[in-house]
Protein backbone atom coordinates (compact mmCIF):
# COMPACT_ATOMS: atom_id res chain seq x y z
CA MET A 1 147.78 134.84 -121.45
CA GLU A 2 144.56 133.38 -122.81
CA THR A 3 141.21 133.11 -121.13
CA SER A 4 138.17 131.24 -122.24
CA THR A 5 135.03 131.73 -122.17
CA ALA A 6 131.73 167.76 -138.32
CA ASN A 7 130.08 164.82 -140.20
CA LEU A 8 128.82 161.67 -138.74
CA PRO A 9 126.06 159.86 -140.65
CA GLN A 10 122.75 160.25 -138.92
CA ARG A 11 120.97 157.12 -137.77
CA PRO A 12 117.51 157.03 -139.36
CA PRO A 13 114.39 156.10 -137.41
CA ALA A 14 113.91 152.36 -137.65
CA ALA A 15 112.26 149.42 -136.01
CA ASP A 16 113.96 147.80 -133.07
CA PRO A 17 116.56 145.48 -134.69
CA GLY A 18 115.94 142.93 -131.96
CA GLN A 19 112.32 142.34 -132.98
CA ASP A 20 111.72 138.86 -134.29
CA ASN A 21 109.69 139.99 -137.30
CA VAL A 22 111.95 142.75 -138.63
CA ALA A 23 114.05 142.28 -141.76
CA ARG A 24 116.21 144.39 -144.04
CA LEU A 25 116.50 144.17 -147.82
CA VAL A 26 119.68 145.77 -149.15
CA LEU A 27 120.50 145.96 -152.84
CA LYS A 28 122.71 147.66 -155.42
CA GLY A 29 123.15 147.62 -159.16
CA THR A 30 122.60 149.62 -162.32
CA ASP A 31 119.78 152.15 -162.01
CA GLN A 32 116.76 151.26 -164.13
CA SER A 33 113.03 151.63 -164.09
CA GLY A 34 110.98 149.27 -161.94
CA ILE A 35 113.35 148.26 -159.13
CA VAL A 36 111.46 149.99 -156.33
CA ALA A 37 108.11 148.82 -157.69
CA ALA A 38 109.30 145.22 -157.95
CA THR A 39 110.66 145.07 -154.41
CA THR A 40 107.74 146.82 -152.73
CA ASP A 41 105.19 144.83 -154.70
CA GLU A 42 106.79 141.52 -153.72
CA LEU A 43 106.96 142.55 -150.07
CA ALA A 44 103.32 143.61 -150.15
CA ARG A 45 102.35 140.28 -151.73
CA PHE A 46 103.80 138.52 -148.67
CA GLY A 47 101.97 140.88 -146.30
CA ALA A 48 105.04 142.86 -145.21
CA ASN A 49 104.73 146.37 -143.78
CA ILE A 50 107.54 148.71 -144.87
CA VAL A 51 108.97 150.72 -141.98
CA SER A 52 111.54 152.71 -143.97
CA LEU A 53 112.90 152.77 -147.52
CA ASP A 54 116.07 154.67 -148.41
CA GLN A 55 117.46 154.88 -151.92
CA HIS A 56 120.14 156.69 -153.87
CA THR A 57 121.21 156.86 -157.48
CA SER A 58 124.48 158.25 -158.78
CA ASP A 59 122.76 159.08 -162.10
CA PRO A 60 119.14 158.40 -163.13
CA ALA A 61 120.35 157.56 -166.63
CA GLY A 62 122.08 154.26 -166.00
CA GLY A 63 124.02 155.22 -162.88
CA ARG A 64 124.51 153.12 -159.77
CA PHE A 65 121.42 152.46 -157.65
CA PHE A 66 121.32 151.65 -153.94
CA GLN A 67 118.36 150.77 -151.72
CA ARG A 68 117.79 149.72 -148.10
CA THR A 69 114.32 148.67 -147.02
CA VAL A 70 113.30 147.83 -143.45
CA PHE A 71 110.04 145.97 -143.03
CA THR A 72 108.06 143.85 -140.61
CA LEU A 73 106.47 140.55 -141.55
CA PRO A 74 104.45 138.28 -139.24
CA ASN A 75 106.09 134.88 -138.73
CA LEU A 76 109.17 136.10 -140.55
CA SER A 77 111.40 133.18 -139.66
CA ALA A 78 108.84 130.72 -141.06
CA VAL A 79 108.45 132.46 -144.42
CA ILE A 80 111.80 134.15 -145.01
CA GLU A 81 113.12 131.45 -147.31
CA ASP A 82 109.97 131.61 -149.42
CA LEU A 83 110.34 135.38 -149.57
CA ARG A 84 114.00 135.07 -150.49
CA GLY A 85 113.12 132.76 -153.35
CA ALA A 86 110.33 135.02 -154.58
CA LEU A 87 112.60 138.07 -154.50
CA GLY A 88 115.28 136.15 -156.38
CA THR A 89 112.81 135.36 -159.16
CA ARG A 90 111.36 138.88 -159.22
CA LEU A 91 114.72 140.67 -159.25
CA ALA A 92 116.54 138.29 -161.61
CA ASN A 93 116.10 140.48 -164.67
CA PHE A 94 117.57 143.55 -162.99
CA GLY A 95 121.08 142.13 -162.49
CA LEU A 96 121.23 143.35 -158.89
CA GLU A 97 123.34 142.32 -155.92
CA TRP A 98 121.00 141.98 -152.96
CA GLU A 99 120.74 140.55 -149.48
CA LEU A 100 117.83 139.81 -147.16
CA ILE A 101 118.77 139.96 -143.48
CA GLU A 102 116.85 139.08 -140.33
CA ALA A 103 117.43 141.99 -137.96
CA ARG A 104 117.16 139.76 -134.87
CA LYS A 105 120.39 137.99 -135.83
CA GLN A 106 122.98 140.39 -134.45
CA LYS A 107 126.37 140.28 -136.09
CA ARG A 108 129.12 138.47 -134.21
CA VAL A 109 132.11 140.76 -133.74
CA ALA A 110 135.75 140.16 -132.83
CA VAL A 111 137.58 143.23 -131.51
CA PHE A 112 141.35 143.42 -132.05
CA VAL A 113 143.27 145.77 -129.76
CA SER A 114 146.78 146.54 -128.56
CA LYS A 115 147.36 148.70 -125.46
CA SER A 116 145.03 151.68 -125.98
CA ASP A 117 141.75 150.93 -124.26
CA HIS A 118 139.46 153.84 -125.12
CA CYS A 119 137.86 152.47 -128.30
CA LEU A 120 137.61 148.92 -126.97
CA LEU A 121 135.96 149.85 -123.68
CA ASP A 122 133.58 152.21 -125.43
CA LEU A 123 132.36 149.40 -127.71
CA LEU A 124 131.99 147.00 -124.78
CA TRP A 125 130.14 149.59 -122.70
CA ARG A 126 127.76 150.47 -125.54
CA GLN A 127 127.03 146.80 -126.14
CA ARG A 128 126.31 146.18 -122.45
CA ARG A 129 123.92 149.13 -122.33
CA GLY A 130 122.08 147.90 -125.44
CA GLU A 131 123.16 150.95 -127.44
CA LEU A 132 125.14 148.95 -130.00
CA PRO A 133 123.35 146.14 -131.89
CA VAL A 134 126.27 143.69 -131.87
CA ASN A 135 127.40 140.49 -130.21
CA ILE A 136 131.06 140.94 -129.28
CA THR A 137 132.21 137.34 -129.00
CA MET A 138 135.92 137.84 -128.34
CA VAL A 139 138.73 140.33 -127.85
CA VAL A 140 142.09 139.53 -129.44
CA SER A 141 145.21 141.41 -128.42
CA ASN A 142 148.95 141.32 -129.00
CA HIS A 143 149.42 142.47 -125.40
CA PRO A 144 148.03 141.09 -122.10
CA ASP A 145 147.44 144.54 -120.58
CA LEU A 146 143.67 144.83 -121.05
CA SER A 147 142.65 141.32 -120.04
CA GLU A 148 141.28 142.33 -116.62
CA ASP A 149 139.26 145.19 -118.10
CA VAL A 150 137.66 142.84 -120.61
CA ARG A 151 137.09 140.12 -118.01
CA ALA A 152 134.64 142.45 -116.24
CA PHE A 153 132.40 142.27 -119.32
CA GLY A 154 132.43 138.47 -119.39
CA ILE A 155 133.99 138.29 -122.85
CA PRO A 156 136.86 135.93 -123.77
CA TYR A 157 140.25 137.64 -124.14
CA PHE A 158 142.91 136.03 -126.30
CA TYR A 159 146.50 137.20 -125.97
CA ILE A 160 148.43 136.41 -129.14
CA PRO A 161 151.91 137.99 -129.26
CA ALA A 162 152.42 139.60 -132.65
CA ASP A 163 155.23 141.55 -134.19
CA ARG A 164 157.09 141.59 -137.48
CA SER A 165 159.20 138.54 -136.58
CA ARG A 166 156.22 136.27 -135.86
CA ARG A 167 153.42 137.76 -137.91
CA THR A 168 152.69 134.57 -139.86
CA GLU A 169 152.36 132.50 -136.68
CA ALA A 170 150.17 135.12 -135.01
CA GLU A 171 147.84 135.49 -137.98
CA ALA A 172 147.43 131.72 -138.23
CA ARG A 173 146.26 131.63 -134.61
CA GLU A 174 143.99 134.62 -135.13
CA LEU A 175 142.43 132.97 -138.17
CA GLU A 176 141.71 129.85 -136.12
CA LEU A 177 139.68 132.03 -133.77
CA VAL A 178 137.71 134.10 -136.28
CA GLN A 179 137.09 131.88 -139.31
CA GLY A 180 133.43 130.86 -139.29
CA ASN A 181 132.91 132.36 -135.85
CA VAL A 182 132.47 136.09 -136.54
CA ASP A 183 130.74 138.32 -139.07
CA LEU A 184 132.92 141.39 -138.52
CA ILE A 185 136.37 142.24 -137.20
CA VAL A 186 136.94 145.65 -135.60
CA LEU A 187 140.45 147.00 -135.17
CA ALA A 188 140.08 149.18 -132.07
CA ARG A 189 143.59 150.65 -132.20
CA TYR A 190 145.26 147.35 -133.07
CA MET A 191 148.79 148.48 -133.83
CA GLN A 192 149.80 145.74 -136.26
CA ILE A 193 149.76 145.66 -140.04
CA ILE A 194 146.99 143.40 -141.35
CA THR A 195 148.30 141.41 -144.30
CA GLU A 196 146.46 140.82 -147.55
CA ASP A 197 146.51 137.09 -146.86
CA PHE A 198 144.75 137.59 -143.50
CA ILE A 199 142.11 139.84 -145.09
CA GLU A 200 141.32 137.23 -147.72
CA GLN A 201 141.27 134.25 -145.36
CA ALA A 202 139.25 135.97 -142.63
CA GLY A 203 136.42 136.26 -145.13
CA VAL A 204 134.55 139.00 -143.27
CA PRO A 205 134.62 142.81 -143.38
CA ILE A 206 137.25 144.50 -141.21
CA ILE A 207 136.74 148.02 -139.85
CA ASN A 208 139.67 150.14 -138.65
CA ILE A 209 139.79 153.44 -136.77
CA HIS A 210 142.49 155.81 -137.91
CA HIS A 211 143.58 158.54 -135.54
CA SER A 212 143.51 161.30 -138.12
CA PHE A 213 141.20 162.81 -140.67
CA LEU A 214 142.52 160.79 -143.63
CA PRO A 215 144.57 161.22 -145.66
CA ALA A 216 146.43 163.64 -143.37
CA PHE A 217 149.16 162.55 -140.92
CA ILE A 218 149.36 158.90 -141.89
CA GLY A 219 151.78 156.84 -139.80
CA ALA A 220 153.17 157.10 -136.29
CA GLY A 221 152.80 160.14 -134.02
CA PRO A 222 149.90 161.87 -135.79
CA TYR A 223 149.15 164.23 -132.87
CA ARG A 224 152.77 165.30 -132.61
CA LYS A 225 152.78 165.97 -136.35
CA ALA A 226 149.52 167.88 -136.01
CA LYS A 227 150.95 170.02 -133.22
CA GLU A 228 154.08 170.74 -135.23
CA ARG A 229 151.97 171.85 -138.18
CA GLY A 230 149.77 174.04 -136.00
CA VAL A 231 146.56 172.47 -137.24
CA LYS A 232 143.20 173.95 -136.29
CA LEU A 233 141.23 170.73 -136.78
CA ILE A 234 141.88 167.17 -135.66
CA GLY A 235 139.72 164.21 -136.45
CA ALA A 236 139.30 160.50 -136.93
CA THR A 237 138.32 158.17 -139.75
CA ALA A 238 136.68 154.74 -139.62
CA HIS A 239 137.11 152.73 -142.80
CA TYR A 240 137.07 149.22 -144.19
CA VAL A 241 140.44 147.51 -144.35
CA THR A 242 141.86 146.60 -147.76
CA LYS A 243 145.27 145.49 -148.95
CA ASP A 244 146.16 149.17 -149.43
CA LEU A 245 147.09 150.54 -146.02
CA ASP A 246 144.58 153.12 -144.69
CA GLU A 247 143.00 153.57 -148.12
CA GLY A 248 139.84 151.47 -147.77
CA PRO A 249 136.28 152.76 -148.21
CA ILE A 250 135.45 155.39 -145.58
CA ILE A 251 132.40 154.82 -143.38
CA SER A 252 132.50 157.67 -140.88
CA GLN A 253 134.59 160.75 -140.11
CA ASP A 254 134.46 163.65 -137.72
CA VAL A 255 136.61 166.59 -136.66
CA ILE A 256 136.88 169.01 -133.75
CA ASN A 257 138.39 172.48 -133.52
CA VAL A 258 141.69 172.92 -131.69
CA SER A 259 144.09 175.81 -131.26
CA HIS A 260 147.66 176.67 -130.38
CA ARG A 261 146.76 176.34 -126.70
CA GLU A 262 146.46 172.53 -126.75
CA SER A 263 149.53 170.46 -125.96
CA VAL A 264 150.23 167.14 -127.67
CA THR A 265 148.67 165.42 -124.63
CA ASP A 266 145.58 167.59 -124.95
CA LEU A 267 145.30 166.69 -128.62
CA GLN A 268 145.62 162.99 -127.83
CA ARG A 269 142.91 163.20 -125.16
CA ARG A 270 140.50 165.13 -127.36
CA GLY A 271 141.37 162.95 -130.32
CA ALA A 272 140.51 159.83 -128.34
CA ASP A 273 137.00 161.20 -127.80
CA VAL A 274 136.57 161.62 -131.55
CA GLU A 275 137.98 158.15 -132.25
CA ARG A 276 135.48 156.53 -129.88
CA ARG A 277 132.56 158.35 -131.42
CA VAL A 278 133.56 157.72 -135.02
CA LEU A 279 134.30 154.03 -134.51
CA SER A 280 131.06 153.27 -132.66
CA THR A 281 129.12 155.15 -135.36
CA ALA A 282 130.77 153.09 -138.09
CA VAL A 283 130.25 149.77 -136.30
CA GLU A 284 126.62 150.59 -135.61
CA ALA A 285 125.98 151.57 -139.23
CA HIS A 286 127.61 148.40 -140.53
CA CYS A 287 125.77 146.12 -138.10
CA GLU A 288 122.43 147.70 -138.99
CA ASP A 289 123.19 147.07 -142.68
CA ARG A 290 123.17 150.79 -143.44
CA VAL A 291 126.51 150.73 -145.29
CA ILE A 292 126.66 149.63 -148.92
CA ARG A 293 130.14 149.31 -150.39
CA ASP A 294 130.61 150.12 -154.06
CA GLY A 295 134.21 150.01 -155.17
CA ASN A 296 136.20 152.27 -152.93
CA VAL A 297 133.24 154.35 -151.75
CA THR A 298 130.35 153.73 -149.39
CA ILE A 299 126.70 154.70 -149.35
CA VAL A 300 125.67 155.16 -145.71
CA PHE A 301 121.92 155.39 -145.13
């Protein structure tokens, strides 16, 4: 069926990302003297007002440096290219990777899902209430089960059967949908292996929610395994997808206490609550440009 049209990162105070004159400058590179001065001086020269500035260094003596600056600038859209050029000239000698983003341009998101609805519906609900700064443009599923739920949100639902025997065909169709049309893919309990070829061709970050506190209980039936081991904590992990299964850079994690009294069903229910919270936290952080990837680790401001 296809229809058309206990450790979560804390969100810092920031300007409304929907404001027309708000922008974010995100950068990383080798730590060295003068980076902060150069960026703030250039912003001041253009008349920008800095709302927040977060920075981190792994080592002041030549370590890795990370910075996220949120600022307002009158008539931003009219001058942003001039500012981008000026920053490029000013920062050229530092050898940094940097990006200047207009906060008003919300990231376009495709949500992939199978049969479990809790993470998907939570993202859709948060978007509708204005609590999640994203534009969910489509839902893609290898099952038709959730089409009516998604229809209520007015978002296109694409049913693309996918299993091991037709993975190549399914991924080709999925790539037709997402290439050039989205800025982020979220796997909201999408129970299919994502191939390295798909990751490369999609060309956008992919966030997955894993129903355990990685690296524990990888694979099928994590809550049953947790019950059998008599664990006292269960949790969830949101991470970027890489070619190495469930080993990508971690964005957000959380755990809750459990005991011998909980059944496997109880663990699944309570685990679903954690999964929802962890995934929405990760998606929000990414879409507000608060996550900087560096190798297999993340800096989350």
